[in-house]
């Protein structure tokens, strides 16, 4: 799981591209939080669906879902609406 916060896009892309070159790594995950879970509360945080699109466009074979679970998370209709909006 790659936390999409407290890091820049170039570093995330580097990690995902390195993982893309390792055959044993089949999946690369993000979680969908709009605020950092730790560190500077005003630090950089990427929205998961947009970031997944950007990273998937720059990798060849990694499968790349966003993790959404827990009772406080929106249901599948909301997730589907987010996909359609991007």
PDB file of N, CA and C in Angstrom:
ATOM      1  N   UNK A   1       0.848  -1.163   0.000  1.00  0.00           N
ATOM      2  CA  UNK A   1       0.000   0.000   0.000  1.00  0.00           C
ATOM      3  C   UNK A   1       0.896   1.229   0.000  1.00  0.00           C
ATOM      4  N   UNK A   2       0.665   2.108  -0.913  1.00  0.00           N
ATOM      5  CA  UNK A   2       1.417   3.357  -1.008  1.00  0.00           C
ATOM      6  C   UNK A   2       0.559   4.483  -0.438  1.00  0.00           C
ATOM      7  N   UNK A   3       0.943   5.046   0.703  1.00  0.00           N
ATOM      8  CA  UNK A   3       0.173   6.174   1.222  1.00  0.00           C
ATOM      9  C   UNK A   3       0.265   7.365   0.268  1.00  0.00           C
ATOM     10  N   UNK A   4      -0.865   7.906  -0.159  1.00  0.00           N
ATOM     11  CA  UNK A   4      -0.832   9.029  -1.097  1.00  0.00           C
ATOM     12  C   UNK A   4      -0.739  10.383  -0.414  1.00  0.00           C
ATOM     13  N   UNK A   5       0.014  10.446   0.689  1.00  0.00           N
ATOM     14  CA  UNK A   5       0.160  11.723   1.385  1.00  0.00           C
ATOM     15  C   UNK A   5       1.566  11.840   1.944  1.00  0.00           C
ATOM     16  N   UNK A   6       1.960  13.083   2.204  1.00  0.00           N
ATOM     17  CA  UNK A   6       3.282  13.412   2.748  1.00  0.00           C
ATOM     18  C   UNK A   6       4.416  13.004   1.806  1.00  0.00           C
ATOM     19  N   UNK A   7       4.120  12.959   0.498  1.00  0.00           N
ATOM     20  CA  UNK A   7       5.117  12.593  -0.501  1.00  0.00           C
ATOM     21  C   UNK A   7       4.741  13.267  -1.816  1.00  0.00           C
ATOM     22  N   UNK A   8       5.710  13.527  -2.646  1.00  0.00           N
ATOM     23  CA  UNK A   8       5.438  14.147  -3.943  1.00  0.00           C
ATOM     24  C   UNK A   8       5.126  13.114  -5.014  1.00  0.00           C
ATOM     25  N   UNK A   9       4.522  13.573  -6.093  1.00  0.00           N
ATOM     26  CA  UNK A   9       4.150  12.679  -7.198  1.00  0.00           C
ATOM     27  C   UNK A   9       5.369  11.985  -7.800  1.00  0.00           C
ATOM     28  N   UNK A  10       6.478  12.692  -7.972  1.00  0.00           N
ATOM     29  CA  UNK A  10       7.665  12.087  -8.584  1.00  0.00           C
ATOM     30  C   UNK A  10       8.163  10.892  -7.775  1.00  0.00           C
ATOM     31  N   UNK A  11       8.115  10.993  -6.455  1.00  0.00           N
ATOM     32  CA  UNK A  11       8.542   9.870  -5.613  1.00  0.00           C
ATOM     33  C   UNK A  11       7.567   8.699  -5.711  1.00  0.00           C
ATOM     34  N   UNK A  12       6.267   8.981  -5.717  1.00  0.00           N
ATOM     35  CA  UNK A  12       5.285   7.916  -5.883  1.00  0.00           C
ATOM     36  C   UNK A  12       5.472   7.205  -7.217  1.00  0.00           C
ATOM     37  N   UNK A  13       5.646   7.967  -8.263  1.00  0.00           N
ATOM     38  CA  UNK A  13       5.833   7.389  -9.586  1.00  0.00           C
ATOM     39  C   UNK A  13       7.093   6.526  -9.633  1.00  0.00           C
ATOM     40  N   UNK A  14       8.176   6.983  -9.029  1.00  0.00           N
ATOM     41  CA  UNK A  14       9.414   6.206  -9.007  1.00  0.00           C
ATOM     42  C   UNK A  14       9.199   4.856  -8.323  1.00  0.00           C
ATOM     43  N   UNK A  15       8.524   4.852  -7.188  1.00  0.00           N
ATOM     44  CA  UNK A  15       8.264   3.607  -6.461  1.00  0.00           C
ATOM     45  C   UNK A  15       7.393   2.673  -7.297  1.00  0.00           C
ATOM     46  N   UNK A  16       6.342   3.192  -7.906  1.00  0.00           N
ATOM     47  CA  UNK A  16       5.447   2.345  -8.699  1.00  0.00           C
ATOM     48  C   UNK A  16       6.149   1.810  -9.939  1.00  0.00           C
ATOM     49  N   UNK A  17       6.993   2.599 -10.575  1.00  0.00           N
ATOM     50  CA  UNK A  17       7.704   2.129 -11.768  1.00  0.00           C
ATOM     51  C   UNK A  17       8.738   1.076 -11.397  1.00  0.00           C
ATOM     52  N   UNK A  18       9.392   1.239 -10.244  1.00  0.00           N
ATOM     53  CA  UNK A  18      10.317   0.200  -9.777  1.00  0.00           C
ATOM     54  C   UNK A  18       9.554  -1.083  -9.490  1.00  0.00           C
ATOM     55  N   UNK A  19       8.416  -0.983  -8.827  1.00  0.00           N
ATOM     56  CA  UNK A  19       7.591  -2.159  -8.533  1.00  0.00           C
ATOM     57  C   UNK A  19       7.096  -2.819  -9.815  1.00  0.00           C
ATOM     58  N   UNK A  20       6.797  -2.019 -10.819  1.00  0.00           N
ATOM     59  CA  UNK A  20       6.319  -2.541 -12.100  1.00  0.00           C
ATOM     60  C   UNK A  20       7.367  -3.440 -12.760  1.00  0.00           C
ATOM     61  N   UNK A  21       8.623  -3.221 -12.468  1.00  0.00           N
ATOM     62  CA  UNK A  21       9.693  -4.023 -13.038  1.00  0.00           C
ATOM     63  C   UNK A  21      10.028  -5.277 -12.250  1.00  0.00           C
ATOM     64  N   UNK A  22       9.342  -5.520 -11.151  1.00  0.00           N
ATOM     65  CA  UNK A  22       9.583  -6.704 -10.316  1.00  0.00           C
ATOM     66  C   UNK A  22       8.422  -7.675 -10.520  1.00  0.00           C
ATOM     67  N   UNK A  23       8.647  -8.790 -11.230  1.00  0.00           N
ATOM     68  CA  UNK A  23       7.545  -9.703 -11.583  1.00  0.00           C
ATOM     69  C   UNK A  23       6.730 -10.213 -10.395  1.00  0.00           C
ATOM     70  N   UNK A  24       7.347 -10.383  -9.245  1.00  0.00           N
ATOM     71  CA  UNK A  24       6.608 -10.920  -8.089  1.00  0.00           C
ATOM     72  C   UNK A  24       5.603  -9.926  -7.518  1.00  0.00           C
ATOM     73  N   UNK A  25       5.766  -8.653  -7.818  1.00  0.00           N
ATOM     74  CA  UNK A  25       4.815  -7.637  -7.354  1.00  0.00           C
ATOM     75  C   UNK A  25       3.742  -7.494  -8.429  1.00  0.00           C
ATOM     76  N   UNK A  26       2.526  -7.894  -8.096  1.00  0.00           N
ATOM     77  CA  UNK A  26       1.430  -7.873  -9.060  1.00  0.00           C
ATOM     78  C   UNK A  26       0.471  -6.713  -8.855  1.00  0.00           C
ATOM     79  N   UNK A  27       0.396  -6.202  -7.623  1.00  0.00           N
ATOM     80  CA  UNK A  27      -0.578  -5.165  -7.275  1.00  0.00           C
ATOM     81  C   UNK A  27       0.126  -3.995  -6.614  1.00  0.00           C
ATOM     82  N   UNK A  28      -0.365  -2.810  -6.838  1.00  0.00           N
ATOM     83  CA  UNK A  28       0.069  -1.619  -6.118  1.00  0.00           C
ATOM     84  C   UNK A  28      -1.199  -0.891  -5.675  1.00  0.00           C
ATOM     85  N   UNK A  29      -1.286  -0.603  -4.405  1.00  0.00           N
ATOM     86  CA  UNK A  29      -2.516  -0.073  -3.822  1.00  0.00           C
ATOM     87  C   UNK A  29      -2.337   1.342  -3.297  1.00  0.00           C
ATOM     88  N   UNK A  30      -3.423   2.058  -3.296  1.00  0.00           N
ATOM     89  CA  UNK A  30      -3.547   3.340  -2.614  1.00  0.00           C
ATOM     90  C   UNK A  30      -4.737   3.247  -1.673  1.00  0.00           C
ATOM     91  N   UNK A  31      -4.801   4.123  -0.693  1.00  0.00           N
ATOM     92  CA  UNK A  31      -6.047   4.244   0.066  1.00  0.00           C
ATOM     93  C   UNK A  31      -6.656   5.595  -0.225  1.00  0.00           C
ATOM     94  N   UNK A  32      -7.927   5.705   0.035  1.00  0.00           N
ATOM     95  CA  UNK A  32      -8.684   6.892  -0.345  1.00  0.00           C
ATOM     96  C   UNK A  32      -8.969   7.753   0.883  1.00  0.00           C
ATOM     97  N   UNK A  33      -8.016   8.610   1.230  1.00  0.00           N
ATOM     98  CA  UNK A  33      -8.198   9.576   2.310  1.00  0.00           C
ATOM     99  C   UNK A  33      -7.897  10.952   1.740  1.00  0.00           C
ATOM    100  N   UNK A  34      -8.684  11.913   2.088  1.00  0.00           N
ATOM    101  CA  UNK A  34      -8.474  13.257   1.564  1.00  0.00           C
ATOM    102  C   UNK A  34      -7.677  14.144   2.520  1.00  0.00           C
ATOM    103  N   UNK A  35      -7.240  13.564   3.634  1.00  0.00           N
ATOM    104  CA  UNK A  35      -6.389  14.281   4.587  1.00  0.00           C
ATOM    105  C   UNK A  35      -5.266  13.328   4.991  1.00  0.00           C
ATOM    106  N   UNK A  36      -4.077  13.853   5.271  1.00  0.00           N
ATOM    107  CA  UNK A  36      -2.997  12.982   5.727  1.00  0.00           C
ATOM    108  C   UNK A  36      -3.375  12.248   7.014  1.00  0.00           C
ATOM    109  N   UNK A  37      -2.969  10.994   7.117  1.00  0.00           N
ATOM    110  CA  UNK A  37      -3.237  10.217   8.326  1.00  0.00           C
ATOM    111  C   UNK A  37      -2.207  10.500   9.411  1.00  0.00           C
ATOM    112  N   UNK A  38      -1.079  11.065   9.057  1.00  0.00           N
ATOM    113  CA  UNK A  38      -0.040  11.394  10.014  1.00  0.00           C
ATOM    114  C   UNK A  38       0.828  12.506   9.473  1.00  0.00           C
ATOM    115  N   UNK A  39       1.687  13.013  10.328  1.00  0.00           N
ATOM    116  CA  UNK A  39       2.577  14.085   9.899  1.00  0.00           C
ATOM    117  C   UNK A  39       1.858  15.418   9.820  1.00  0.00           C
ATOM    118  N   UNK A  40       2.352  16.261   8.954  1.00  0.00           N
ATOM    119  CA  UNK A  40       1.806  17.604   8.788  1.00  0.00           C
ATOM    120  C   UNK A  40       0.365  17.548   8.266  1.00  0.00           C
ATOM    121  N   UNK A  41      -0.611  18.052   9.025  1.00  0.00           N
ATOM    122  CA  UNK A  41      -2.002  17.997   8.555  1.00  0.00           C
ATOM    123  C   UNK A  41      -2.239  18.830   7.298  1.00  0.00           C
ATOM    124  N   UNK A  42      -1.333  19.749   7.003  1.00  0.00           N
ATOM    125  CA  UNK A  42      -1.444  20.552   5.785  1.00  0.00           C
ATOM    126  C   UNK A  42      -0.521  20.055   4.678  1.00  0.00           C
ATOM    127  N   UNK A  43       0.084  18.890   4.901  1.00  0.00           N
ATOM    128  CA  UNK A  43       1.002  18.328   3.914  1.00  0.00           C
ATOM    129  C   UNK A  43       0.277  17.849   2.671  1.00  0.00           C
ATOM    130  N   UNK A  44       1.027  17.504   1.631  1.00  0.00           N
ATOM    131  CA  UNK A  44       0.414  17.092   0.374  1.00  0.00           C
ATOM    132  C   UNK A  44      -0.357  15.782   0.514  1.00  0.00           C
ATOM    133  N   UNK A  45      -1.521  15.730  -0.100  1.00  0.00           N
ATOM    134  CA  UNK A  45      -2.344  14.522  -0.143  1.00  0.00           C
ATOM    135  C   UNK A  45      -2.999  14.459  -1.510  1.00  0.00           C
ATOM    136  N   UNK A  46      -2.892  13.315  -2.172  1.00  0.00           N
ATOM    137  CA  UNK A  46      -3.487  13.139  -3.484  1.00  0.00           C
ATOM    138  C   UNK A  46      -4.809  12.391  -3.372  1.00  0.00           C
ATOM    139  N   UNK A  47      -5.770  12.786  -4.176  1.00  0.00           N
ATOM    140  CA  UNK A  47      -7.052  12.086  -4.264  1.00  0.00           C
ATOM    141  C   UNK A  47      -6.801  10.774  -5.006  1.00  0.00           C
ATOM    142  N   UNK A  48      -7.325   9.668  -4.488  1.00  0.00           N
ATOM    143  CA  UNK A  48      -6.945   8.333  -4.944  1.00  0.00           C
ATOM    144  C   UNK A  48      -7.281   8.054  -6.406  1.00  0.00           C
ATOM    145  N   UNK A  49      -8.480   8.378  -6.866  1.00  0.00           N
ATOM    146  CA  UNK A  49      -8.865   8.003  -8.233  1.00  0.00           C
ATOM    147  C   UNK A  49      -8.020   8.732  -9.273  1.00  0.00           C
ATOM    148  N   UNK A  50      -7.744   9.999  -9.040  1.00  0.00           N
ATOM    149  CA  UNK A  50      -6.922  10.764  -9.970  1.00  0.00           C
ATOM    150  C   UNK A  50      -5.487  10.242  -9.965  1.00  0.00           C
ATOM    151  N   UNK A  51      -4.954   9.984  -8.776  1.00  0.00           N
ATOM    152  CA  UNK A  51      -3.593   9.473  -8.663  1.00  0.00           C
ATOM    153  C   UNK A  51      -3.472   8.079  -9.290  1.00  0.00           C
ATOM    154  N   UNK A  52      -4.468   7.220  -9.062  1.00  0.00           N
ATOM    155  CA  UNK A  52      -4.444   5.891  -9.686  1.00  0.00           C
ATOM    156  C   UNK A  52      -4.393   5.992 -11.204  1.00  0.00           C
ATOM    157  N   UNK A  53      -5.171   6.886 -11.759  1.00  0.00           N
ATOM    158  CA  UNK A  53      -5.168   7.076 -13.211  1.00  0.00           C
ATOM    159  C   UNK A  53      -3.799   7.505 -13.702  1.00  0.00           C
ATOM    160  N   UNK A  54      -3.191   8.451 -13.006  1.00  0.00           N
ATOM    161  CA  UNK A  54      -1.877   8.954 -13.408  1.00  0.00           C
ATOM    162  C   UNK A  54      -0.811   7.868 -13.304  1.00  0.00           C
ATOM    163  N   UNK A  55      -0.807   7.098 -12.209  1.00  0.00           N
ATOM    164  CA  UNK A  55       0.196   6.055 -12.026  1.00  0.00           C
ATOM    165  C   UNK A  55      -0.026   4.882 -12.975  1.00  0.00           C
ATOM    166  N   UNK A  56      -1.284   4.504 -13.199  1.00  0.00           N
ATOM    167  CA  UNK A  56      -1.578   3.399 -14.122  1.00  0.00           C
ATOM    168  C   UNK A  56      -1.159   3.745 -15.548  1.00  0.00           C
ATOM    169  N   UNK A  57      -1.256   5.011 -15.904  1.00  0.00           N
ATOM    170  CA  UNK A  57      -0.857   5.432 -17.247  1.00  0.00           C
ATOM    171  C   UNK A  57       0.658   5.332 -17.447  1.00  0.00           C
ATOM    172  N   UNK A  58       1.415   5.313 -16.359  1.00  0.00           N
ATOM    173  CA  UNK A  58       2.881   5.299 -16.457  1.00  0.00           C
ATOM    174  C   UNK A  58       3.490   3.957 -16.091  1.00  0.00           C
ATOM    175  N   UNK A  59       2.641   2.927 -15.824  1.00  0.00           N
ATOM    176  CA  UNK A  59       3.127   1.576 -15.540  1.00  0.00           C
ATOM    177  C   UNK A  59       2.549   0.629 -16.574  1.00  0.00           C
ATOM    178  N   UNK A  60       3.134  -0.565 -16.676  1.00  0.00           N
ATOM    179  CA  UNK A  60       2.738  -1.501 -17.732  1.00  0.00           C
ATOM    180  C   UNK A  60       1.842  -2.642 -17.253  1.00  0.00           C
ATOM    181  N   UNK A  61       2.135  -3.231 -16.106  1.00  0.00           N
ATOM    182  CA  UNK A  61       1.433  -4.462 -15.759  1.00  0.00           C
ATOM    183  C   UNK A  61       0.835  -4.487 -14.358  1.00  0.00           C
ATOM    184  N   UNK A  62       1.164  -3.532 -13.501  1.00  0.00           N
ATOM    185  CA  UNK A  62       0.609  -3.535 -12.147  1.00  0.00           C
ATOM    186  C   UNK A  62      -0.902  -3.379 -12.162  1.00  0.00           C
ATOM    187  N   UNK A  63      -1.567  -4.142 -11.333  1.00  0.00           N
ATOM    188  CA  UNK A  63      -2.989  -3.912 -11.084  1.00  0.00           C
ATOM    189  C   UNK A  63      -3.059  -2.884  -9.969  1.00  0.00           C
ATOM    190  N   UNK A  64      -3.988  -1.949 -10.082  1.00  0.00           N
ATOM    191  CA  UNK A  64      -3.933  -0.818  -9.155  1.00  0.00           C
ATOM    192  C   UNK A  64      -5.308  -0.397  -8.649  1.00  0.00           C
ATOM    193  N   UNK A  65      -5.806  -1.087  -7.626  1.00  0.00           N
ATOM    194  CA  UNK A  65      -7.081  -0.679  -7.020  1.00  0.00           C
ATOM    195  C   UNK A  65      -6.865   0.334  -5.893  1.00  0.00           C
ATOM    196  N   UNK A  66      -7.952   0.946  -5.475  1.00  0.00           N
ATOM    197  CA  UNK A  66      -7.933   1.799  -4.281  1.00  0.00           C
ATOM    198  C   UNK A  66      -8.631   1.039  -3.168  1.00  0.00           C
ATOM    199  N   UNK A  67      -8.073   1.078  -2.002  1.00  0.00           N
ATOM    200  CA  UNK A  67      -8.668   0.355  -0.884  1.00  0.00           C
ATOM    201  C   UNK A  67      -9.747   1.202  -0.242  1.00  0.00           C
ATOM    202  N   UNK A  68     -10.916   0.626  -0.114  1.00  0.00           N
ATOM    203  CA  UNK A  68     -12.049   1.282   0.543  1.00  0.00           C
ATOM    204  C   UNK A  68     -12.728   0.236   1.409  1.00  0.00           C
ATOM    205  N   UNK A  69     -12.686   0.421   2.692  1.00  0.00           N
ATOM    206  CA  UNK A  69     -13.397  -0.512   3.565  1.00  0.00           C
ATOM    207  C   UNK A  69     -13.745   0.172   4.867  1.00  0.00           C
ATOM    208  N   UNK A  70     -14.496  -0.533   5.689  1.00  0.00           N
ATOM    209  CA  UNK A  70     -14.910   0.000   6.971  1.00  0.00           C
ATOM    210  C   UNK A  70     -16.293   0.617   6.889  1.00  0.00           C
ATOM    211  N   UNK A  71     -17.012   0.598   7.992  1.00  0.00           N
ATOM    212  CA  UNK A  71     -18.393   1.092   7.994  1.00  0.00           C
ATOM    213  C   UNK A  71     -18.503   2.591   7.737  1.00  0.00           C
ATOM    214  N   UNK A  72     -17.428   3.334   7.975  1.00  0.00           N
ATOM    215  CA  UNK A  72     -17.485   4.780   7.768  1.00  0.00           C
ATOM    216  C   UNK A  72     -17.227   5.169   6.317  1.00  0.00           C
ATOM    217  N   UNK A  73     -16.880   4.215   5.473  1.00  0.00           N
ATOM    218  CA  UNK A  73     -16.563   4.492   4.076  1.00  0.00           C
ATOM    219  C   UNK A  73     -17.829   4.472   3.221  1.00  0.00           C
ATOM    220  N   UNK A  74     -17.871   5.286   2.186  1.00  0.00           N
ATOM    221  CA  UNK A  74     -19.028   5.289   1.288  1.00  0.00           C
ATOM    222  C   UNK A  74     -19.199   3.947   0.588  1.00  0.00           C
ATOM    223  N   UNK A  75     -20.396   3.658   0.189  1.00  0.00           N
ATOM    224  CA  UNK A  75     -20.699   2.400  -0.483  1.00  0.00           C
ATOM    225  C   UNK A  75     -20.249   2.371  -1.930  1.00  0.00           C
ATOM    226  N   UNK A  76     -20.533   1.267  -2.580  1.00  0.00           N
ATOM    227  CA  UNK A  76     -20.062   1.070  -3.953  1.00  0.00           C
ATOM    228  C   UNK A  76     -20.697   2.046  -4.937  1.00  0.00           C
ATOM    229  N   UNK A  77     -21.926   2.514  -4.674  1.00  0.00           N
ATOM    230  CA  UNK A  77     -22.533   3.499  -5.582  1.00  0.00           C
ATOM    231  C   UNK A  77     -21.731   4.795  -5.597  1.00  0.00           C
ATOM    232  N   UNK A  78     -21.250   5.212  -4.430  1.00  0.00           N
ATOM    233  CA  UNK A  78     -20.446   6.424  -4.364  1.00  0.00           C
ATOM    234  C   UNK A  78     -19.125   6.212  -5.094  1.00  0.00           C
ATOM    235  N   UNK A  79     -18.499   5.060  -4.890  1.00  0.00           N
ATOM    236  CA  UNK A  79     -17.245   4.768  -5.574  1.00  0.00           C
ATOM    237  C   UNK A  79     -17.450   4.747  -7.069  1.00  0.00           C
ATOM    238  N   UNK A  80     -18.515   4.140  -7.523  1.00  0.00           N
ATOM    239  CA  UNK A  80     -18.797   4.088  -8.969  1.00  0.00           C
ATOM    240  C   UNK A  80     -19.016   5.506  -9.509  1.00  0.00           C
ATOM    241  N   UNK A  81     -19.690   6.346  -8.747  1.00  0.00           N
ATOM    242  CA  UNK A  81     -19.911   7.737  -9.179  1.00  0.00           C
ATOM    243  C   UNK A  81     -18.602   8.499  -9.272  1.00  0.00           C
ATOM    244  N   UNK A  82     -17.683   8.242  -8.337  1.00  0.00           N
ATOM    245  CA  UNK A  82     -16.369   8.888  -8.393  1.00  0.00           C
ATOM    246  C   UNK A  82     -15.611   8.443  -9.627  1.00  0.00           C
ATOM    247  N   UNK A  83     -15.685   7.170  -9.963  1.00  0.00           N
ATOM    248  CA  UNK A  83     -14.996   6.668 -11.161  1.00  0.00           C
ATOM    249  C   UNK A  83     -15.539   7.358 -12.408  1.00  0.00           C
ATOM    250  N   UNK A  84     -16.836   7.492 -12.481  1.00  0.00           N
ATOM    251  CA  UNK A  84     -17.441   8.099 -13.653  1.00  0.00           C
ATOM    252  C   UNK A  84     -17.105   9.588 -13.754  1.00  0.00           C
ATOM    253  N   UNK A  85     -16.918  10.230 -12.609  1.00  0.00           N
ATOM    254  CA  UNK A  85     -16.643  11.660 -12.606  1.00  0.00           C
ATOM    255  C   UNK A  85     -15.220  11.981 -13.050  1.00  0.00           C
ATOM    256  N   UNK A  86     -14.321  10.993 -13.002  1.00  0.00           N
ATOM    257  CA  UNK A  86     -12.914  11.255 -13.345  1.00  0.00           C
ATOM    258  C   UNK A  86     -12.667  10.801 -14.727  1.00  0.00           C
TER     259      UNK A  86
END
